[in-house]
Amino acid sequence: DRYFDEPTPLGAGTGPNAARVLAAAVGNCLSASYLFCLQRARIEVRDLHTTVTGSYVRNPQGRLRIGHLRVQLEPVLGPGAPERLARCLELFEDFCVVTQSVRDGVEVDVSVTPAPEAAPV
């Protein structure tokens, strides 16, 4: 099983927190989109390594937010036509659902429903 966890002092740091999972989702989505484009362009992909680094910022109320994600894709490619490779570089980001959602902002509806009181034991 995989668990989410916050670093200390909120948690034990036994798993990634939500910010790290978001960063991983962005990196995975971009990698998959790039790989798909290269495969469709019939460019051999021998390896693809993706690194995502992020930074936090504080909003005007002093609360932590994800301020920046930097994604580095490092492909090892076989021979291929430079124009097809250039075309993939133009297109692949636009087809990444996660990255484009994060960039454009995501509306989040939040509701709080109190749990029913426990029956007396």
C-alpha atoms as a PDB file:
ATOM      1  CA  ASP A   1       0.000   0.000   0.000  1.00  0.00           C
ATOM      2  CA  ARG A   2       1.056   3.582  -0.635  1.00  0.00           C
ATOM      3  CA  TYR A   3       0.255   6.371   1.746  1.00  0.00           C
ATOM      4  CA  PHE A   4       0.349  10.124   1.683  1.00  0.00           C
ATOM      5  CA  ASP A   5       2.033  11.747   4.635  1.00  0.00           C
ATOM      6  CA  GLU A   6       3.215  15.189   5.612  1.00  0.00           C
ATOM      7  CA  PRO A   7       6.746  15.867   6.784  1.00  0.00           C
ATOM      8  CA  THR A   8       7.307  16.583  10.454  1.00  0.00           C
ATOM      9  CA  PRO A   9       5.906  18.240  12.498  1.00  0.00           C
ATOM     10  CA  LEU A  10       2.530  17.459  10.850  1.00  0.00           C
ATOM     11  CA  GLY A  11       3.319  13.869   9.949  1.00  0.00           C
ATOM     12  CA  ALA A  12       6.054  11.265  10.013  1.00  0.00           C
ATOM     13  CA  GLY A  13       7.256  11.780   6.442  1.00  0.00           C
ATOM     14  CA  THR A  14       6.606   8.132   5.554  1.00  0.00           C
ATOM     15  CA  GLY A  15       5.213   8.992   2.128  1.00  0.00           C
ATOM     16  CA  PRO A  16       4.897  11.840  -0.304  1.00  0.00           C
ATOM     17  CA  ASN A  17       2.682  14.777   0.547  1.00  0.00           C
ATOM     18  CA  ALA A  18       0.065  16.155  -1.836  1.00  0.00           C
ATOM     19  CA  ALA A  19       2.442  18.785  -3.265  1.00  0.00           C
ATOM     20  CA  ARG A  20       4.947  16.100  -4.245  1.00  0.00           C
ATOM     21  CA  VAL A  21       2.233  13.984  -5.813  1.00  0.00           C
ATOM     22  CA  LEU A  22       1.070  17.003  -7.825  1.00  0.00           C
ATOM     23  CA  ALA A  23       4.647  17.552  -9.019  1.00  0.00           C
ATOM     24  CA  ALA A  24       4.908  13.871  -9.939  1.00  0.00           C
ATOM     25  CA  ALA A  25       1.602  14.055 -11.821  1.00  0.00           C
ATOM     26  CA  VAL A  26       2.818  17.037 -13.858  1.00  0.00           C
ATOM     27  CA  GLY A  27       6.111  15.290 -14.645  1.00  0.00           C
ATOM     28  CA  ASN A  28       4.422  12.028 -15.546  1.00  0.00           C
ATOM     29  CA  CYS A  29       1.863  13.691 -17.780  1.00  0.00           C
ATOM     30  CA  LEU A  30       4.493  15.707 -19.663  1.00  0.00           C
ATOM     31  CA  SER A  31       6.670  12.612 -20.057  1.00  0.00           C
ATOM     32  CA  ALA A  32       3.791  10.540 -21.392  1.00  0.00           C
ATOM     33  CA  SER A  33       2.697  13.274 -23.780  1.00  0.00           C
ATOM     34  CA  TYR A  34       6.232  13.777 -25.105  1.00  0.00           C
ATOM     35  CA  LEU A  35       6.811  10.034 -25.450  1.00  0.00           C
ATOM     36  CA  PHE A  36       3.503   9.585 -27.284  1.00  0.00           C
ATOM     37  CA  CYS A  37       4.374  12.361 -29.745  1.00  0.00           C
ATOM     38  CA  LEU A  38       7.836  10.920 -30.399  1.00  0.00           C
ATOM     39  CA  GLN A  39       6.413   7.456 -30.982  1.00  0.00           C
ATOM     40  CA  ARG A  40       3.807   8.820 -33.394  1.00  0.00           C
ATOM     41  CA  ALA A  41       6.587  10.667 -35.237  1.00  0.00           C
ATOM     42  CA  ARG A  42       8.452   7.348 -35.432  1.00  0.00           C
ATOM     43  CA  ILE A  43      11.410   8.659 -33.473  1.00  0.00           C
ATOM     44  CA  GLU A  44      13.098   5.930 -31.467  1.00  0.00           C
ATOM     45  CA  VAL A  45      13.163   6.626 -27.738  1.00  0.00           C
ATOM     46  CA  ARG A  46      15.906   4.706 -25.976  1.00  0.00           C
ATOM     47  CA  ASP A  47      15.381   6.289 -22.568  1.00  0.00           C
ATOM     48  CA  LEU A  48      13.524   9.179 -20.966  1.00  0.00           C
ATOM     49  CA  HIS A  49      14.412  10.590 -17.562  1.00  0.00           C
ATOM     50  CA  THR A  50      12.222  13.266 -15.999  1.00  0.00           C
ATOM     51  CA  THR A  51      13.063  15.436 -13.000  1.00  0.00           C
ATOM     52  CA  VAL A  52      10.589  17.782 -11.355  1.00  0.00           C
ATOM     53  CA  THR A  53      11.643  20.360  -8.797  1.00  0.00           C
ATOM     54  CA  GLY A  54       9.305  22.735  -7.083  1.00  0.00           C
ATOM     55  CA  SER A  55       9.308  25.658  -4.758  1.00  0.00           C
ATOM     56  CA  TYR A  56       6.874  27.061  -2.267  1.00  0.00           C
ATOM     57  CA  VAL A  57       5.779  30.667  -1.918  1.00  0.00           C
ATOM     58  CA  ARG A  58       3.564  32.407   0.596  1.00  0.00           C
ATOM     59  CA  ASN A  59       0.384  34.102  -0.500  1.00  0.00           C
ATOM     60  CA  PRO A  60      -0.606  37.548   0.874  1.00  0.00           C
ATOM     61  CA  GLN A  61      -2.197  35.828   3.893  1.00  0.00           C
ATOM     62  CA  GLY A  62       1.094  34.056   4.638  1.00  0.00           C
ATOM     63  CA  ARG A  63      -0.124  30.602   3.635  1.00  0.00           C
ATOM     64  CA  LEU A  64       2.139  28.211   1.749  1.00  0.00           C
ATOM     65  CA  ARG A  65       1.402  27.579  -1.917  1.00  0.00           C
ATOM     66  CA  ILE A  66       3.207  25.817  -4.731  1.00  0.00           C
ATOM     67  CA  GLY A  67       4.892  28.701  -6.490  1.00  0.00           C
ATOM     68  CA  HIS A  68       6.825  27.045  -9.284  1.00  0.00           C
ATOM     69  CA  LEU A  69       7.400  23.641 -10.822  1.00  0.00           C
ATOM     70  CA  ARG A  70      10.363  23.043 -13.093  1.00  0.00           C
ATOM     71  CA  VAL A  71      10.263  19.934 -15.260  1.00  0.00           C
ATOM     72  CA  GLN A  72      13.369  18.664 -16.996  1.00  0.00           C
ATOM     73  CA  LEU A  73      12.889  15.960 -19.636  1.00  0.00           C
ATOM     74  CA  GLU A  74      16.052  14.153 -20.705  1.00  0.00           C
ATOM     75  CA  PRO A  75      15.394  11.855 -23.668  1.00  0.00           C
ATOM     76  CA  VAL A  76      17.907   9.540 -25.304  1.00  0.00           C
ATOM     77  CA  LEU A  77      16.743   9.390 -28.889  1.00  0.00           C
ATOM     78  CA  GLY A  78      17.644   7.312 -31.882  1.00  0.00           C
ATOM     79  CA  PRO A  79      17.952   8.828 -35.330  1.00  0.00           C
ATOM     80  CA  GLY A  80      14.997  10.812 -36.573  1.00  0.00           C
ATOM     81  CA  ALA A  81      14.022  13.675 -38.782  1.00  0.00           C
ATOM     82  CA  PRO A  82      14.770  17.026 -37.096  1.00  0.00           C
ATOM     83  CA  GLU A  83      11.513  18.535 -38.358  1.00  0.00           C
ATOM     84  CA  ARG A  84       9.463  15.788 -36.683  1.00  0.00           C
ATOM     85  CA  LEU A  85      11.359  16.280 -33.442  1.00  0.00           C
ATOM     86  CA  ALA A  86      10.785  20.042 -33.619  1.00  0.00           C
ATOM     87  CA  ARG A  87       7.064  19.442 -34.193  1.00  0.00           C
ATOM     88  CA  CYS A  88       6.840  17.321 -31.030  1.00  0.00           C
ATOM     89  CA  LEU A  89       8.573  20.042 -29.043  1.00  0.00           C
ATOM     90  CA  GLU A  90       5.929  22.498 -30.265  1.00  0.00           C
ATOM     91  CA  LEU A  91       2.968  20.245 -29.461  1.00  0.00           C
ATOM     92  CA  PHE A  92       3.469  17.929 -26.523  1.00  0.00           C
ATOM     93  CA  GLU A  93       2.877  20.362 -23.640  1.00  0.00           C
ATOM     94  CA  ASP A  94      -0.531  21.350 -24.966  1.00  0.00           C
ATOM     95  CA  PHE A  95      -1.722  17.736 -24.809  1.00  0.00           C
ATOM     96  CA  CYS A  96      -0.772  17.216 -21.157  1.00  0.00           C
ATOM     97  CA  VAL A  97      -4.060  17.327 -19.258  1.00  0.00           C
ATOM     98  CA  VAL A  98      -2.513  17.785 -15.814  1.00  0.00           C
ATOM     99  CA  THR A  99      -0.032  20.511 -16.706  1.00  0.00           C
ATOM    100  CA  GLN A 100      -2.565  22.556 -18.645  1.00  0.00           C
ATOM    101  CA  SER A 101      -5.085  22.224 -15.809  1.00  0.00           C
ATOM    102  CA  VAL A 102      -2.561  23.439 -13.263  1.00  0.00           C
ATOM    103  CA  ARG A 103      -1.414  26.290 -15.505  1.00  0.00           C
ATOM    104  CA  ASP A 104      -4.937  27.492 -16.169  1.00  0.00           C
ATOM    105  CA  GLY A 105      -6.116  27.051 -12.593  1.00  0.00           C
ATOM    106  CA  VAL A 106      -8.550  24.494 -11.295  1.00  0.00           C
ATOM    107  CA  GLU A 107     -11.845  25.386  -9.686  1.00  0.00           C
ATOM    108  CA  VAL A 108     -12.228  23.513  -6.424  1.00  0.00           C
ATOM    109  CA  ASP A 109     -15.529  23.235  -4.621  1.00  0.00           C
ATOM    110  CA  VAL A 110     -15.218  22.432  -0.943  1.00  0.00           C
ATOM    111  CA  SER A 111     -17.973  21.317   1.373  1.00  0.00           C
ATOM    112  CA  VAL A 112     -17.731  20.358   5.007  1.00  0.00           C
ATOM    113  CA  THR A 113     -20.192  17.788   6.238  1.00  0.00           C
ATOM    114  CA  PRO A 114     -19.997  17.052   9.936  1.00  0.00           C
ATOM    115  CA  ALA A 115     -19.742  13.391  10.763  1.00  0.00           C
ATOM    116  CA  PRO A 116     -22.768  11.966  12.594  1.00  0.00           C
ATOM    117  CA  GLU A 117     -22.272  11.695  16.314  1.00  0.00           C
ATOM    118  CA  ALA A 118     -21.189   8.274  17.469  1.00  0.00           C
ATOM    119  CA  ALA A 119     -23.748   6.186  19.298  1.00  0.00           C
ATOM    120  CA  PRO A 120     -23.036   5.791  23.017  1.00  0.00           C
ATOM    121  CA  VAL A 121     -21.139   2.634  23.893  1.00  0.00           C
END
